[in-house]
Amino acid sequence: PEAGQIHCEITHTTIDVPYSCLSYVWGSEEPECVIFVNNRHFKIRRNLYNFLCSMHLDYVTRSLWIDALCIDQSNPGEKNHQVRHMGDIFKAANQVIAWLGKDEDNARFL
């Protein structure tokens, strides 16, 4: 992989294997950033790209469940099935990460 590129691998597993879930705002409608998933170009939205850029070094060998990547968004049947199980997916996670967005210079903390 070239420097600065994000590479992910999708694997099929069960909720018994330790993993983290990402909770985040999808953001703008159109995917505008490219990552590599299983060595293929994959377009994602900017907010998810910003998360992956800021976190990818921490999750090199960890399993991370992200709806935009783990659910086939072009398959309504799979999408509906997975959405019904998202509560179980998040409950079974070892960790849930809440991504509020990229830190800006003028950001204020609550």
N, C-alpha and C. Protein backbone atom coordinates (compact mmCIF):
# COMPACT_ATOMS: atom_id res chain seq x y z
N PRO A 1 0.82 -1.21 0.00
CA PRO A 1 0.00 0.00 0.00
C PRO A 1 0.86 1.26 0.00
N GLU A 2 0.40 2.25 -0.71
CA GLU A 2 1.10 3.53 -0.74
C GLU A 2 0.81 4.31 0.54
N ALA A 3 1.75 5.18 0.88
CA ALA A 3 1.57 6.02 2.08
C ALA A 3 0.32 6.86 1.92
N GLY A 4 -0.44 6.98 2.99
CA GLY A 4 -1.64 7.80 2.98
C GLY A 4 -2.89 7.09 2.52
N GLN A 5 -2.76 5.89 1.97
CA GLN A 5 -3.93 5.14 1.54
C GLN A 5 -4.46 4.31 2.70
N ILE A 6 -5.76 4.17 2.72
CA ILE A 6 -6.39 3.35 3.75
C ILE A 6 -6.83 2.04 3.12
N HIS A 7 -6.37 0.94 3.72
CA HIS A 7 -6.72 -0.39 3.25
C HIS A 7 -7.44 -1.13 4.37
N CYS A 8 -8.57 -1.73 4.03
CA CYS A 8 -9.36 -2.51 4.98
C CYS A 8 -9.62 -3.89 4.37
N GLU A 9 -9.91 -4.81 5.24
CA GLU A 9 -10.28 -6.14 4.78
C GLU A 9 -11.60 -6.52 5.44
N ILE A 10 -12.55 -6.95 4.63
CA ILE A 10 -13.83 -7.40 5.15
C ILE A 10 -13.74 -8.91 5.35
N THR A 11 -14.07 -9.36 6.55
CA THR A 11 -14.10 -10.79 6.83
C THR A 11 -15.45 -11.12 7.46
N HIS A 12 -15.93 -12.31 7.22
CA HIS A 12 -17.18 -12.77 7.82
C HIS A 12 -16.84 -13.47 9.13
N THR A 13 -17.56 -13.09 10.17
CA THR A 13 -17.28 -13.65 11.49
C THR A 13 -18.58 -13.67 12.29
N THR A 14 -18.49 -13.99 13.55
CA THR A 14 -19.65 -13.98 14.43
C THR A 14 -19.45 -12.90 15.49
N ILE A 15 -20.52 -12.62 16.23
CA ILE A 15 -20.40 -11.60 17.28
C ILE A 15 -19.66 -12.12 18.50
N ASP A 16 -19.26 -13.39 18.48
CA ASP A 16 -18.49 -13.95 19.58
C ASP A 16 -17.02 -13.55 19.53
N VAL A 17 -16.55 -13.12 18.37
CA VAL A 17 -15.16 -12.69 18.20
C VAL A 17 -15.06 -11.24 18.68
N PRO A 18 -14.06 -10.87 19.49
CA PRO A 18 -13.95 -9.48 19.97
C PRO A 18 -13.87 -8.47 18.82
N TYR A 19 -14.66 -7.41 18.92
CA TYR A 19 -14.67 -6.35 17.91
C TYR A 19 -15.16 -5.05 18.54
N SER A 20 -14.91 -3.96 17.82
CA SER A 20 -15.40 -2.64 18.21
C SER A 20 -16.42 -2.19 17.17
N CYS A 21 -17.38 -1.37 17.59
CA CYS A 21 -18.37 -0.79 16.68
C CYS A 21 -18.15 0.71 16.60
N LEU A 22 -18.43 1.25 15.43
CA LEU A 22 -18.34 2.69 15.25
C LEU A 22 -19.73 3.28 15.13
N SER A 23 -20.01 4.29 15.95
CA SER A 23 -21.23 5.08 15.85
C SER A 23 -20.82 6.47 15.38
N TYR A 24 -21.42 6.93 14.29
CA TYR A 24 -21.00 8.20 13.71
C TYR A 24 -22.12 8.76 12.83
N VAL A 25 -21.99 10.02 12.47
CA VAL A 25 -22.92 10.67 11.55
C VAL A 25 -22.42 10.43 10.14
N TRP A 26 -23.29 9.97 9.27
CA TRP A 26 -22.86 9.69 7.90
C TRP A 26 -22.41 10.95 7.17
N GLY A 27 -23.09 12.06 7.40
CA GLY A 27 -22.69 13.30 6.72
C GLY A 27 -23.32 13.44 5.35
N SER A 28 -22.62 14.10 4.46
CA SER A 28 -23.16 14.42 3.13
C SER A 28 -23.61 13.16 2.40
N GLU A 29 -24.56 13.35 1.48
CA GLU A 29 -25.15 12.24 0.73
C GLU A 29 -24.16 11.49 -0.14
N GLU A 30 -23.34 12.20 -0.86
CA GLU A 30 -22.48 11.57 -1.86
C GLU A 30 -21.14 11.12 -1.29
N PRO A 31 -20.80 9.84 -1.52
CA PRO A 31 -19.46 9.38 -1.16
C PRO A 31 -18.43 10.14 -1.99
N GLU A 32 -17.40 10.66 -1.35
CA GLU A 32 -16.44 11.47 -2.08
C GLU A 32 -14.99 11.07 -1.84
N CYS A 33 -14.78 10.10 -0.97
CA CYS A 33 -13.42 9.68 -0.64
C CYS A 33 -13.25 8.21 -1.02
N VAL A 34 -12.03 7.84 -1.37
CA VAL A 34 -11.76 6.47 -1.79
C VAL A 34 -10.83 5.79 -0.80
N ILE A 35 -11.20 4.59 -0.40
CA ILE A 35 -10.33 3.71 0.38
C ILE A 35 -10.25 2.40 -0.40
N PHE A 36 -9.48 1.48 0.10
CA PHE A 36 -9.38 0.16 -0.53
C PHE A 36 -9.95 -0.87 0.43
N VAL A 37 -10.95 -1.60 -0.03
CA VAL A 37 -11.55 -2.67 0.75
C VAL A 37 -11.32 -3.97 -0.02
N ASN A 38 -10.62 -4.89 0.61
CA ASN A 38 -10.23 -6.14 -0.05
C ASN A 38 -9.54 -5.84 -1.39
N ASN A 39 -8.67 -4.83 -1.37
CA ASN A 39 -7.86 -4.41 -2.52
C ASN A 39 -8.66 -3.84 -3.68
N ARG A 40 -9.88 -3.38 -3.43
CA ARG A 40 -10.70 -2.74 -4.46
C ARG A 40 -11.08 -1.34 -4.00
N HIS A 41 -11.18 -0.42 -4.97
CA HIS A 41 -11.62 0.94 -4.65
C HIS A 41 -13.02 0.88 -4.04
N PHE A 42 -13.21 1.70 -3.00
CA PHE A 42 -14.51 1.75 -2.33
C PHE A 42 -14.73 3.19 -1.92
N LYS A 43 -15.85 3.78 -2.36
CA LYS A 43 -16.13 5.18 -2.02
C LYS A 43 -16.89 5.27 -0.71
N ILE A 44 -16.44 6.20 0.13
CA ILE A 44 -17.09 6.44 1.42
C ILE A 44 -17.30 7.94 1.60
N ARG A 45 -18.10 8.28 2.57
CA ARG A 45 -18.36 9.69 2.87
C ARG A 45 -17.21 10.29 3.68
N ARG A 46 -17.10 11.58 3.61
CA ARG A 46 -15.98 12.32 4.21
C ARG A 46 -15.84 12.04 5.71
N ASN A 47 -16.94 12.03 6.46
CA ASN A 47 -16.85 11.86 7.91
C ASN A 47 -16.24 10.50 8.27
N LEU A 48 -16.62 9.46 7.57
CA LEU A 48 -16.03 8.14 7.82
C LEU A 48 -14.56 8.13 7.42
N TYR A 49 -14.24 8.77 6.31
CA TYR A 49 -12.85 8.86 5.87
C TYR A 49 -12.00 9.56 6.94
N ASN A 50 -12.52 10.65 7.49
CA ASN A 50 -11.78 11.37 8.54
C ASN A 50 -11.54 10.47 9.76
N PHE A 51 -12.55 9.69 10.13
CA PHE A 51 -12.36 8.75 11.24
C PHE A 51 -11.26 7.75 10.93
N LEU A 52 -11.34 7.14 9.76
CA LEU A 52 -10.35 6.12 9.39
C LEU A 52 -8.94 6.71 9.34
N CYS A 53 -8.82 7.93 8.85
CA CYS A 53 -7.50 8.58 8.81
C CYS A 53 -6.95 8.80 10.21
N SER A 54 -7.81 9.17 11.13
CA SER A 54 -7.32 9.49 12.48
C SER A 54 -7.12 8.24 13.34
N MET A 55 -7.76 7.15 12.98
CA MET A 55 -7.72 5.97 13.83
C MET A 55 -7.01 4.77 13.23
N HIS A 56 -6.67 4.78 11.96
CA HIS A 56 -6.24 3.54 11.32
C HIS A 56 -5.00 2.91 11.95
N LEU A 57 -4.11 3.68 12.50
CA LEU A 57 -2.91 3.09 13.11
C LEU A 57 -3.24 2.33 14.39
N ASP A 58 -4.31 2.73 15.08
CA ASP A 58 -4.70 2.06 16.31
C ASP A 58 -5.45 0.74 16.05
N TYR A 59 -5.94 0.56 14.85
CA TYR A 59 -6.80 -0.59 14.56
C TYR A 59 -6.23 -1.49 13.47
N VAL A 60 -4.93 -1.53 13.35
CA VAL A 60 -4.30 -2.30 12.29
C VAL A 60 -4.73 -3.77 12.34
N THR A 61 -4.77 -4.35 13.50
CA THR A 61 -5.09 -5.78 13.60
C THR A 61 -6.39 -6.04 14.35
N ARG A 62 -7.16 -5.02 14.60
CA ARG A 62 -8.41 -5.19 15.34
C ARG A 62 -9.59 -5.28 14.40
N SER A 63 -10.63 -5.92 14.87
CA SER A 63 -11.87 -6.00 14.10
C SER A 63 -12.74 -4.80 14.46
N LEU A 64 -13.25 -4.15 13.44
CA LEU A 64 -14.05 -2.94 13.62
C LEU A 64 -15.29 -3.07 12.75
N TRP A 65 -16.47 -2.95 13.37
CA TRP A 65 -17.72 -3.03 12.62
C TRP A 65 -18.17 -1.62 12.30
N ILE A 66 -18.31 -1.33 11.00
CA ILE A 66 -18.76 -0.03 10.52
C ILE A 66 -19.88 -0.29 9.53
N ASP A 67 -21.06 0.24 9.80
CA ASP A 67 -22.22 -0.08 8.97
C ASP A 67 -22.01 0.18 7.48
N ALA A 68 -21.39 1.28 7.13
CA ALA A 68 -21.20 1.62 5.71
C ALA A 68 -20.32 0.61 4.99
N LEU A 69 -19.47 -0.08 5.73
CA LEU A 69 -18.57 -1.07 5.13
C LEU A 69 -19.10 -2.50 5.31
N CYS A 70 -19.71 -2.77 6.44
CA CYS A 70 -20.11 -4.14 6.76
C CYS A 70 -21.49 -4.52 6.25
N ILE A 71 -22.29 -3.54 5.88
CA ILE A 71 -23.61 -3.80 5.31
C ILE A 71 -23.55 -3.42 3.83
N ASP A 72 -23.98 -4.32 2.97
CA ASP A 72 -24.03 -4.02 1.53
C ASP A 72 -25.15 -3.01 1.30
N GLN A 73 -24.78 -1.75 1.14
CA GLN A 73 -25.75 -0.67 1.03
C GLN A 73 -26.57 -0.75 -0.26
N SER A 74 -26.11 -1.51 -1.24
CA SER A 74 -26.84 -1.63 -2.51
C SER A 74 -27.81 -2.82 -2.51
N ASN A 75 -27.86 -3.56 -1.40
CA ASN A 75 -28.73 -4.74 -1.30
C ASN A 75 -29.80 -4.47 -0.24
N PRO A 76 -31.02 -4.06 -0.66
CA PRO A 76 -32.06 -3.71 0.31
C PRO A 76 -32.39 -4.84 1.28
N GLY A 77 -32.39 -6.08 0.82
CA GLY A 77 -32.69 -7.21 1.71
C GLY A 77 -31.67 -7.35 2.82
N GLU A 78 -30.39 -7.31 2.46
CA GLU A 78 -29.34 -7.41 3.47
C GLU A 78 -29.37 -6.20 4.38
N LYS A 79 -29.57 -5.03 3.78
CA LYS A 79 -29.59 -3.79 4.57
C LYS A 79 -30.70 -3.85 5.63
N ASN A 80 -31.91 -4.25 5.23
CA ASN A 80 -33.02 -4.34 6.18
C ASN A 80 -32.74 -5.38 7.26
N HIS A 81 -32.19 -6.51 6.88
CA HIS A 81 -31.86 -7.57 7.84
C HIS A 81 -30.83 -7.07 8.85
N GLN A 82 -29.77 -6.45 8.38
CA GLN A 82 -28.70 -5.99 9.26
C GLN A 82 -29.17 -4.86 10.18
N VAL A 83 -29.98 -3.95 9.64
CA VAL A 83 -30.47 -2.83 10.46
C VAL A 83 -31.29 -3.37 11.63
N ARG A 84 -32.07 -4.43 11.41
CA ARG A 84 -32.86 -5.03 12.50
C ARG A 84 -31.96 -5.61 13.59
N HIS A 85 -30.73 -5.97 13.24
CA HIS A 85 -29.82 -6.59 14.21
C HIS A 85 -28.75 -5.64 14.75
N MET A 86 -28.81 -4.38 14.38
CA MET A 86 -27.76 -3.45 14.81
C MET A 86 -27.69 -3.31 16.33
N GLY A 87 -28.82 -3.35 17.00
CA GLY A 87 -28.80 -3.28 18.47
C GLY A 87 -28.00 -4.42 19.06
N ASP A 88 -28.20 -5.62 18.54
CA ASP A 88 -27.45 -6.79 19.02
C ASP A 88 -25.97 -6.66 18.67
N ILE A 89 -25.68 -6.15 17.49
CA ILE A 89 -24.29 -5.98 17.05
C ILE A 89 -23.57 -5.01 17.99
N PHE A 90 -24.21 -3.90 18.32
CA PHE A 90 -23.59 -2.92 19.21
C PHE A 90 -23.49 -3.45 20.65
N LYS A 91 -24.51 -4.17 21.11
CA LYS A 91 -24.48 -4.72 22.47
C LYS A 91 -23.37 -5.74 22.66
N ALA A 92 -23.09 -6.52 21.63
CA ALA A 92 -22.08 -7.58 21.73
C ALA A 92 -20.65 -7.07 21.55
N ALA A 93 -20.50 -5.82 21.13
CA ALA A 93 -19.15 -5.27 20.90
C ALA A 93 -18.39 -5.12 22.21
N ASN A 94 -17.08 -5.29 22.12
CA ASN A 94 -16.22 -5.06 23.29
C ASN A 94 -16.08 -3.57 23.56
N GLN A 95 -16.24 -2.77 22.51
CA GLN A 95 -16.07 -1.32 22.61
C GLN A 95 -16.95 -0.66 21.55
N VAL A 96 -17.58 0.45 21.93
CA VAL A 96 -18.32 1.27 20.96
C VAL A 96 -17.62 2.62 20.91
N ILE A 97 -17.26 3.02 19.71
CA ILE A 97 -16.58 4.30 19.50
C ILE A 97 -17.61 5.28 18.96
N ALA A 98 -17.75 6.43 19.62
CA ALA A 98 -18.63 7.49 19.14
C ALA A 98 -17.78 8.55 18.48
N TRP A 99 -17.89 8.67 17.17
CA TRP A 99 -17.11 9.64 16.40
C TRP A 99 -17.97 10.86 16.14
N LEU A 100 -17.57 11.99 16.69
CA LEU A 100 -18.32 13.23 16.54
C LEU A 100 -17.84 14.06 15.38
N GLY A 101 -16.75 13.68 14.79
CA GLY A 101 -16.22 14.41 13.64
C GLY A 101 -14.79 14.83 13.87
N LYS A 102 -14.22 15.33 12.82
CA LYS A 102 -12.83 15.77 12.84
C LYS A 102 -12.68 16.96 13.77
N ASP A 103 -11.64 16.93 14.59
CA ASP A 103 -11.35 18.02 15.51
C ASP A 103 -10.91 19.25 14.72
N GLU A 104 -11.59 20.33 14.92
CA GLU A 104 -11.24 21.59 14.26
C GLU A 104 -10.51 22.47 15.27
N ASP A 105 -9.74 23.40 14.76
CA ASP A 105 -8.99 24.30 15.64
C ASP A 105 -9.90 25.07 16.60
N ASN A 106 -11.11 25.38 16.15
CA ASN A 106 -12.01 26.17 16.99
C ASN A 106 -13.03 25.29 17.72
N ALA A 107 -12.76 24.00 17.83
CA ALA A 107 -13.69 23.08 18.49
C ALA A 107 -13.77 23.39 19.98
N ARG A 108 -14.96 23.22 20.51
CA ARG A 108 -15.17 23.39 21.95
C ARG A 108 -15.60 22.05 22.51
N PHE A 109 -15.14 21.76 23.69
CA PHE A 109 -15.49 20.50 24.34
C PHE A 109 -16.66 20.72 25.27
N LEU A 110 -17.51 19.71 25.39
CA LEU A 110 -18.66 19.78 26.31
C LEU A 110 -18.21 19.42 27.70
